[in-house]
PDB file of all heavy atoms in Angstrom:
ATOM      1  N   TRP A   1     112.757  62.787 109.305  1.00  0.00           N
ATOM      2  CA  TRP A   1     113.548  63.742 108.526  1.00  0.00           C
ATOM      3  C   TRP A   1     112.973  65.144 108.651  1.00  0.00           C
ATOM      4  O   TRP A   1     111.797  65.362 108.384  1.00  0.00           O
ATOM      5  CB  TRP A   1     113.598  63.325 107.047  1.00  0.00           C
ATOM      6  CG  TRP A   1     114.562  62.206 106.850  1.00  0.00           C
ATOM      7  CD1 TRP A   1     114.271  60.892 106.636  1.00  0.00           C
ATOM      8  CD2 TRP A   1     115.979  62.296 106.890  1.00  0.00           C
ATOM      9  NE1 TRP A   1     115.418  60.163 106.536  1.00  0.00           N
ATOM     10  CE2 TRP A   1     116.489  61.004 106.682  1.00  0.00           C
ATOM     11  CE3 TRP A   1     116.879  63.348 107.083  1.00  0.00           C
ATOM     12  CZ2 TRP A   1     117.861  60.723 106.659  1.00  0.00           C
ATOM     13  CZ3 TRP A   1     118.240  63.077 107.059  1.00  0.00           C
ATOM     14  CH2 TRP A   1     118.715  61.782 106.852  1.00  0.00           C
ATOM     15  N   VAL A   2     113.824  66.070 109.075  1.00  0.00           N
ATOM     16  CA  VAL A   2     113.405  67.457 109.258  1.00  0.00           C
ATOM     17  C   VAL A   2     114.443  68.406 108.654  1.00  0.00           C
ATOM     18  O   VAL A   2     115.607  68.041 108.465  1.00  0.00           O
ATOM     19  CB  VAL A   2     113.199  67.804 110.754  1.00  0.00           C
ATOM     20  CG1 VAL A   2     112.080  66.975 111.355  1.00  0.00           C
ATOM     21  CG2 VAL A   2     114.480  67.651 111.542  1.00  0.00           C
ATOM     22  N   HIS A   3     113.990  69.616 108.371  1.00  0.00           N
ATOM     23  CA  HIS A   3     114.893  70.672 107.919  1.00  0.00           C
ATOM     24  C   HIS A   3     115.655  71.184 109.140  1.00  0.00           C
ATOM     25  O   HIS A   3     115.055  71.468 110.179  1.00  0.00           O
ATOM     26  CB  HIS A   3     114.118  71.802 107.243  1.00  0.00           C
ATOM     27  CG  HIS A   3     113.496  71.380 105.957  1.00  0.00           C
ATOM     28  ND1 HIS A   3     114.173  71.382 104.763  1.00  0.00           N
ATOM     29  CD2 HIS A   3     112.256  70.903 105.690  1.00  0.00           C
ATOM     30  CE1 HIS A   3     113.380  70.941 103.814  1.00  0.00           C
ATOM     31  NE2 HIS A   3     112.208  70.640 104.341  1.00  0.00           N
ATOM     32  N   THR A   4     116.963  71.298 109.010  1.00  0.00           N
ATOM     33  CA  THR A   4     117.814  71.677 110.135  1.00  0.00           C
ATOM     34  C   THR A   4     117.429  73.030 110.718  1.00  0.00           C
ATOM     35  O   THR A   4     117.321  73.182 111.935  1.00  0.00           O
ATOM     36  CB  THR A   4     119.289  71.691 109.695  1.00  0.00           C
ATOM     37  OG1 THR A   4     119.609  70.405 109.147  1.00  0.00           O
ATOM     38  CG2 THR A   4     120.208  71.975 110.866  1.00  0.00           C
ATOM     39  N   GLU A   5     117.197  74.007 109.885  1.00  0.00           N
ATOM     40  CA  GLU A   5     116.917  75.362 110.374  1.00  0.00           C
ATOM     41  C   GLU A   5     115.551  75.492 111.042  1.00  0.00           C
ATOM     42  O   GLU A   5     115.427  76.129 112.082  1.00  0.00           O
ATOM     43  CB  GLU A   5     117.004  76.374 109.233  1.00  0.00           C
ATOM     44  CG  GLU A   5     118.422  76.721 108.853  1.00  0.00           C
ATOM     45  CD  GLU A   5     118.480  77.853 107.829  1.00  0.00           C
ATOM     46  OE1 GLU A   5     117.548  78.681 107.796  1.00  0.00           O
ATOM     47  OE2 GLU A   5     119.457  77.887 107.079  1.00  0.00           O
ATOM     48  N   THR A   6     114.537  74.916 110.443  1.00  0.00           N
ATOM     49  CA  THR A   6     113.167  75.141 110.924  1.00  0.00           C
ATOM     50  C   THR A   6     112.631  74.016 111.804  1.00  0.00           C
ATOM     51  O   THR A   6     111.717  74.235 112.589  1.00  0.00           O
ATOM     52  CB  THR A   6     112.202  75.294 109.733  1.00  0.00           C
ATOM     53  OG1 THR A   6     112.203  74.060 108.994  1.00  0.00           O
ATOM     54  CG2 THR A   6     112.604  76.458 108.843  1.00  0.00           C
ATOM     55  N   GLY A   7     113.149  72.802 111.641  1.00  0.00           N
ATOM     56  CA  GLY A   7     112.602  71.643 112.340  1.00  0.00           C
ATOM     57  C   GLY A   7     111.349  71.097 111.684  1.00  0.00           C
ATOM     58  O   GLY A   7     110.762  70.136 112.152  1.00  0.00           O
ATOM     59  N   TYR A   8     110.928  71.727 110.563  1.00  0.00           N
ATOM     60  CA  TYR A   8     109.752  71.243 109.836  1.00  0.00           C
ATOM     61  C   TYR A   8     110.073  69.924 109.136  1.00  0.00           C
ATOM     62  O   TYR A   8     111.209  69.699 108.705  1.00  0.00           O
ATOM     63  CB  TYR A   8     109.285  72.254 108.790  1.00  0.00           C
ATOM     64  CG  TYR A   8     108.736  73.539 109.350  1.00  0.00           C
ATOM     65  CD1 TYR A   8     108.714  74.688 108.579  1.00  0.00           C
ATOM     66  CD2 TYR A   8     108.234  73.630 110.644  1.00  0.00           C
ATOM     67  CE1 TYR A   8     108.203  75.882 109.070  1.00  0.00           C
ATOM     68  CE2 TYR A   8     107.725  74.811 111.145  1.00  0.00           C
ATOM     69  CZ  TYR A   8     107.708  75.929 110.362  1.00  0.00           C
ATOM     70  OH  TYR A   8     107.208  77.101 110.854  1.00  0.00           O
ATOM     71  N   ARG A   9     109.041  69.106 108.978  1.00  0.00           N
ATOM     72  CA  ARG A   9     109.233  67.820 108.306  1.00  0.00           C
ATOM     73  C   ARG A   9     109.703  67.994 106.867  1.00  0.00           C
ATOM     74  O   ARG A   9     109.239  68.877 106.154  1.00  0.00           O
ATOM     75  CB  ARG A   9     107.924  67.016 108.313  1.00  0.00           C
ATOM     76  CG  ARG A   9     107.642  66.335 109.624  1.00  0.00           C
ATOM     77  CD  ARG A   9     106.476  65.367 109.499  1.00  0.00           C
ATOM     78  NE  ARG A   9     105.220  66.042 109.224  1.00  0.00           N
ATOM     79  CZ  ARG A   9     104.462  66.597 110.150  1.00  0.00           C
ATOM     80  NH1 ARG A   9     104.815  66.566 111.407  1.00  0.00           N
ATOM     81  NH2 ARG A   9     103.340  67.183 109.824  1.00  0.00           N
ATOM     82  N   ARG A  10     110.572  67.103 106.456  1.00  0.00           N
ATOM     83  CA  ARG A  10     111.063  67.073 105.074  1.00  0.00           C
ATOM     84  C   ARG A  10     109.953  66.617 104.134  1.00  0.00           C
ATOM     85  O   ARG A  10     109.762  67.180 103.069  1.00  0.00           O
ATOM     86  CB  ARG A  10     112.242  66.107 104.996  1.00  0.00           C
ATOM     87  CG  ARG A  10     112.732  65.819 103.597  1.00  0.00           C
ATOM     88  CD  ARG A  10     113.786  64.728 103.623  1.00  0.00           C
ATOM     89  NE  ARG A  10     114.394  64.534 102.320  1.00  0.00           N
ATOM     90  CZ  ARG A  10     115.334  63.637 102.092  1.00  0.00           C
ATOM     91  NH1 ARG A  10     115.785  62.874 103.082  1.00  0.00           N
ATOM     92  NH2 ARG A  10     115.833  63.508 100.886  1.00  0.00           N
ATOM     93  N   PHE A  11     109.245  65.576 104.533  1.00  0.00           N
ATOM     94  CA  PHE A  11     108.231  64.982 103.665  1.00  0.00           C
ATOM     95  C   PHE A  11     106.851  65.478 104.063  1.00  0.00           C
ATOM     96  O   PHE A  11     106.437  65.339 105.199  1.00  0.00           O
ATOM     97  CB  PHE A  11     108.284  63.454 103.729  1.00  0.00           C
ATOM     98  CG  PHE A  11     109.601  62.889 103.281  1.00  0.00           C
ATOM     99  CD1 PHE A  11     110.471  62.320 104.190  1.00  0.00           C
ATOM    100  CD2 PHE A  11     109.980  62.958 101.954  1.00  0.00           C
ATOM    101  CE1 PHE A  11     111.695  61.809 103.776  1.00  0.00           C
ATOM    102  CE2 PHE A  11     111.198  62.453 101.531  1.00  0.00           C
ATOM    103  CZ  PHE A  11     112.064  61.877 102.445  1.00  0.00           C
ATOM    104  N   ARG A  12     106.157  66.039 103.101  1.00  0.00           N
ATOM    105  CA  ARG A  12     104.802  66.536 103.328  1.00  0.00           C
ATOM    106  C   ARG A  12     103.768  65.660 102.627  1.00  0.00           C
ATOM    107  O   ARG A  12     102.579  65.787 102.868  1.00  0.00           O
ATOM    108  CB  ARG A  12     104.703  67.974 102.836  1.00  0.00           C
ATOM    109  CG  ARG A  12     105.627  68.907 103.622  1.00  0.00           C
ATOM    110  CD  ARG A  12     105.634  70.283 103.026  1.00  0.00           C
ATOM    111  NE  ARG A  12     104.280  70.729 102.742  1.00  0.00           N
ATOM    112  CZ  ARG A  12     103.728  71.827 103.235  1.00  0.00           C
ATOM    113  NH1 ARG A  12     104.422  72.593 104.018  1.00  0.00           N
ATOM    114  NH2 ARG A  12     102.511  72.167 102.919  1.00  0.00           N
ATOM    115  N   THR A  13     104.221  64.821 101.722  1.00  0.00           N
ATOM    116  CA  THR A  13     103.335  63.963 100.939  1.00  0.00           C
ATOM    117  C   THR A  13     103.953  62.571 100.848  1.00  0.00           C
ATOM    118  O   THR A  13     105.166  62.450 100.702  1.00  0.00           O
ATOM    119  CB  THR A  13     103.155  64.521  99.511  1.00  0.00           C
ATOM    120  OG1 THR A  13     102.663  65.855  99.602  1.00  0.00           O
ATOM    121  CG2 THR A  13     102.195  63.665  98.703  1.00  0.00           C
ATOM    122  N   ALA A  14     103.112  61.563 100.935  1.00  0.00           N
ATOM    123  CA  ALA A  14     103.564  60.186 100.744  1.00  0.00           C
ATOM    124  C   ALA A  14     102.502  59.441  99.948  1.00  0.00           C
ATOM    125  O   ALA A  14     101.306  59.607 100.198  1.00  0.00           O
ATOM    126  CB  ALA A  14     103.788  59.492 102.079  1.00  0.00           C
ATOM    127  N   ILE A  15     102.948  58.654  99.010  1.00  0.00           N
ATOM    128  CA  ILE A  15     102.038  57.796  98.250  1.00  0.00           C
ATOM    129  C   ILE A  15     102.297  56.372  98.721  1.00  0.00           C
ATOM    130  O   ILE A  15     103.415  55.870  98.611  1.00  0.00           O
ATOM    131  CB  ILE A  15     102.271  57.934  96.735  1.00  0.00           C
ATOM    132  CG1 ILE A  15     101.974  59.371  96.302  1.00  0.00           C
ATOM    133  CG2 ILE A  15     101.419  56.923  95.980  1.00  0.00           C
ATOM    134  CD1 ILE A  15     102.356  59.678  94.878  1.00  0.00           C
ATOM    135  N   VAL A  16     101.259  55.750  99.284  1.00  0.00           N
ATOM    136  CA  VAL A  16     101.393  54.403  99.826  1.00  0.00           C
ATOM    137  C   VAL A  16     100.478  53.496  99.028  1.00  0.00           C
ATOM    138  O   VAL A  16      99.257  53.649  99.063  1.00  0.00           O
ATOM    139  CB  VAL A  16     101.019  54.378 101.331  1.00  0.00           C
ATOM    140  CG1 VAL A  16     101.172  52.979 101.895  1.00  0.00           C
ATOM    141  CG2 VAL A  16     101.877  55.370 102.103  1.00  0.00           C
ATOM    142  N   GLU A  17     101.072  52.567  98.299  1.00  0.00           N
ATOM    143  CA  GLU A  17     100.301  51.626  97.487  1.00  0.00           C
ATOM    144  C   GLU A  17     100.562  50.212  97.983  1.00  0.00           C
ATOM    145  O   GLU A  17     101.691  49.747  97.970  1.00  0.00           O
ATOM    146  CB  GLU A  17     100.716  51.725  96.014  1.00  0.00           C
ATOM    147  CG  GLU A  17     100.372  53.048  95.375  1.00  0.00           C
ATOM    148  CD  GLU A  17     100.719  53.093  93.896  1.00  0.00           C
ATOM    149  OE1 GLU A  17     100.730  52.023  93.251  1.00  0.00           O
ATOM    150  OE2 GLU A  17     100.995  54.182  93.405  1.00  0.00           O
ATOM    151  N   LEU A  18      99.503  49.574  98.433  1.00  0.00           N
ATOM    152  CA  LEU A  18      99.575  48.196  98.908  1.00  0.00           C
ATOM    153  C   LEU A  18      98.297  47.484  98.521  1.00  0.00           C
ATOM    154  O   LEU A  18      97.260  48.127  98.324  1.00  0.00           O
ATOM    155  CB  LEU A  18      99.679  48.146 100.433  1.00  0.00           C
ATOM    156  CG  LEU A  18     101.017  48.513 101.053  1.00  0.00           C
ATOM    157  CD1 LEU A  18     100.844  48.724 102.540  1.00  0.00           C
ATOM    158  CD2 LEU A  18     102.025  47.431 100.801  1.00  0.00           C
ATOM    159  N   ALA A  19      98.370  46.171  98.476  1.00  0.00           N
ATOM    160  CA  ALA A  19      97.171  45.382  98.205  1.00  0.00           C
ATOM    161  C   ALA A  19      96.203  45.525  99.376  1.00  0.00           C
ATOM    162  O   ALA A  19      96.581  45.952 100.475  1.00  0.00           O
ATOM    163  CB  ALA A  19      97.553  43.915  98.012  1.00  0.00           C
ATOM    164  N   ARG A  20      94.970  45.171  99.156  1.00  0.00           N
ATOM    165  CA  ARG A  20      93.949  45.227 100.204  1.00  0.00           C
ATOM    166  C   ARG A  20      94.361  44.389 101.408  1.00  0.00           C
ATOM    167  O   ARG A  20      95.110  43.426 101.284  1.00  0.00           O
ATOM    168  CB  ARG A  20      92.634  44.662  99.660  1.00  0.00           C
ATOM    169  CG  ARG A  20      92.041  45.507  98.547  1.00  0.00           C
ATOM    170  CD  ARG A  20      90.698  44.964  98.112  1.00  0.00           C
ATOM    171  NE  ARG A  20      89.756  45.176  99.211  1.00  0.00           N
ATOM    172  CZ  ARG A  20      88.913  44.262  99.671  1.00  0.00           C
ATOM    173  NH1 ARG A  20      88.855  43.084  99.114  1.00  0.00           N
ATOM    174  NH2 ARG A  20      88.105  44.523 100.667  1.00  0.00           N
ATOM    175  N   LYS A  21      93.833  44.796 102.556  1.00  0.00           N
ATOM    176  CA  LYS A  21      93.999  44.052 103.809  1.00  0.00           C
ATOM    177  C   LYS A  21      95.444  44.031 104.323  1.00  0.00           C
ATOM    178  O   LYS A  21      95.869  43.071 104.957  1.00  0.00           O
ATOM    179  CB  LYS A  21      93.482  42.611 103.672  1.00  0.00           C
ATOM    180  CG  LYS A  21      92.017  42.520 103.312  1.00  0.00           C
ATOM    181  CD  LYS A  21      91.177  43.041 104.437  1.00  0.00           C
ATOM    182  CE  LYS A  21      89.691  42.941 104.122  1.00  0.00           C
ATOM    183  NZ  LYS A  21      88.885  43.570 105.143  1.00  0.00           N
ATOM    184  N   ASN A  22      96.190  45.082 104.043  1.00  0.00           N
ATOM    185  CA  ASN A  22      97.556  45.177 104.552  1.00  0.00           C
ATOM    186  C   ASN A  22      97.717  46.253 105.617  1.00  0.00           C
ATOM    187  O   ASN A  22      98.831  46.547 106.024  1.00  0.00           O
ATOM    188  CB  ASN A  22      98.540  45.424 103.404  1.00  0.00           C
ATOM    189  CG  ASN A  22      98.972  44.143 102.744  1.00  0.00           C
ATOM    190  OD1 ASN A  22      99.619  43.318 103.368  1.00  0.00           O
ATOM    191  ND2 ASN A  22      98.586  43.962 101.494  1.00  0.00           N
ATOM    192  N   GLY A  23      96.637  46.876 106.034  1.00  0.00           N
ATOM    193  CA  GLY A  23      96.702  47.827 107.129  1.00  0.00           C
ATOM    194  C   GLY A  23      96.923  49.277 106.745  1.00  0.00           C
ATOM    195  O   GLY A  23      97.278  50.093 107.591  1.00  0.00           O
ATOM    196  N   LYS A  24      96.682  49.617 105.480  1.00  0.00           N
ATOM    197  CA  LYS A  24      96.873  51.018 105.048  1.00  0.00           C
ATOM    198  C   LYS A  24      95.904  51.957 105.759  1.00  0.00           C
ATOM    199  O   LYS A  24      96.321  52.981 106.291  1.00  0.00           O
ATOM    200  CB  LYS A  24      96.649  51.165 103.532  1.00  0.00           C
ATOM    201  CG  LYS A  24      97.630  50.480 102.641  1.00  0.00           C
ATOM    202  CD  LYS A  24      97.319  50.740 101.183  1.00  0.00           C
ATOM    203  CE  LYS A  24      95.944  50.351 100.733  1.00  0.00           C
ATOM    204  NZ  LYS A  24      95.635  48.946 100.650  1.00  0.00           N
ATOM    205  N   SER A  25      94.630  51.619 105.745  1.00  0.00           N
ATOM    206  CA  SER A  25      93.622  52.514 106.318  1.00  0.00           C
ATOM    207  C   SER A  25      93.789  52.660 107.823  1.00  0.00           C
ATOM    208  O   SER A  25      93.654  53.757 108.366  1.00  0.00           O
ATOM    209  CB  SER A  25      92.213  52.015 105.995  1.00  0.00           C
ATOM    210  OG  SER A  25      91.990  52.061 104.611  1.00  0.00           O
ATOM    211  N   THR A  26      94.084  51.572 108.495  1.00  0.00           N
ATOM    212  CA  THR A  26      94.267  51.621 109.938  1.00  0.00           C
ATOM    213  C   THR A  26      95.486  52.463 110.278  1.00  0.00           C
ATOM    214  O   THR A  26      95.458  53.293 111.188  1.00  0.00           O
ATOM    215  CB  THR A  26      94.405  50.199 110.504  1.00  0.00           C
ATOM    216  OG1 THR A  26      93.319  49.409 110.030  1.00  0.00           O
ATOM    217  CG2 THR A  26      94.397  50.198 112.013  1.00  0.00           C
ATOM    218  N   TRP A  27      96.575  52.257 109.553  1.00  0.00           N
ATOM    219  CA  TRP A  27      97.790  53.061 109.754  1.00  0.00           C
ATOM    220  C   TRP A  27      97.501  54.530 109.467  1.00  0.00           C
ATOM    221  O   TRP A  27      97.890  55.407 110.257  1.00  0.00           O
ATOM    222  CB  TRP A  27      98.920  52.537 108.861  1.00  0.00           C
ATOM    223  CG  TRP A  27     100.148  53.383 108.871  1.00  0.00           C
ATOM    224  CD1 TRP A  27     101.109  53.423 109.848  1.00  0.00           C
ATOM    225  CD2 TRP A  27     100.556  54.317 107.877  1.00  0.00           C
ATOM    226  NE1 TRP A  27     102.076  54.328 109.513  1.00  0.00           N
ATOM    227  CE2 TRP A  27     101.768  54.898 108.295  1.00  0.00           C
ATOM    228  CE3 TRP A  27     100.006  54.727 106.664  1.00  0.00           C
ATOM    229  CZ2 TRP A  27     102.436  55.855 107.545  1.00  0.00           C
ATOM    230  CZ3 TRP A  27     100.682  55.684 105.918  1.00  0.00           C
ATOM    231  CH2 TRP A  27     101.886  56.230 106.367  1.00  0.00           C
ATOM    232  N   ALA A  28      96.809  54.809 108.360  1.00  0.00           N
ATOM    233  CA  ALA A  28      96.499  56.199 107.998  1.00  0.00           C
ATOM    234  C   ALA A  28      95.614  56.853 109.059  1.00  0.00           C
ATOM    235  O   ALA A  28      95.782  58.041 109.378  1.00  0.00           O
ATOM    236  CB  ALA A  28      95.815  56.250 106.629  1.00  0.00           C
ATOM    237  N   ALA A  29      94.686  56.100 109.633  1.00  0.00           N
ATOM    238  CA  ALA A  29      93.837  56.641 110.700  1.00  0.00           C
ATOM    239  C   ALA A  29      94.679  57.026 111.907  1.00  0.00           C
ATOM    240  O   ALA A  29      94.480  58.093 112.507  1.00  0.00           O
ATOM    241  CB  ALA A  29      92.769  55.615 111.095  1.00  0.00           C
ATOM    242  N   GLY A  30      95.635  56.192 112.257  1.00  0.00           N
ATOM    243  CA  GLY A  30      96.522  56.502 113.376  1.00  0.00           C
ATOM    244  C   GLY A  30      97.376  57.723 113.109  1.00  0.00           C
ATOM    245  O   GLY A  30      97.555  58.581 113.988  1.00  0.00           O
ATOM    246  N   ILE A  31      97.889  57.829 111.887  1.00  0.00           N
ATOM    247  CA  ILE A  31      98.689  59.005 111.506  1.00  0.00           C
ATOM    248  C   ILE A  31      97.817  60.262 111.583  1.00  0.00           C
ATOM    249  O   ILE A  31      98.252  61.302 112.092  1.00  0.00           O
ATOM    250  CB  ILE A  31      99.284  58.833 110.096  1.00  0.00           C
ATOM    251  CG1 ILE A  31     100.329  57.716 110.082  1.00  0.00           C
ATOM    252  CG2 ILE A  31      99.867  60.149 109.577  1.00  0.00           C
ATOM    253  CD1 ILE A  31     101.576  57.961 110.893  1.00  0.00           C
ATOM    254  N   ALA A  32      96.594  60.176 111.090  1.00  0.00           N
ATOM    255  CA  ALA A  32      95.694  61.337 111.125  1.00  0.00           C
ATOM    256  C   ALA A  32      95.407  61.761 112.560  1.00  0.00           C
ATOM    257  O   ALA A  32      95.386  62.964 112.871  1.00  0.00           O
ATOM    258  CB  ALA A  32      94.391  61.012 110.393  1.00  0.00           C
TER     259      ALA A  32
END
């Protein structure tokens, strides 16, 4: 999702809540 005029991302913040051992940290490392 991006803004039509600028192409900048719509979402700048996400809150991800999951139980342990579901791959949050590994996914976050890849995103970073």
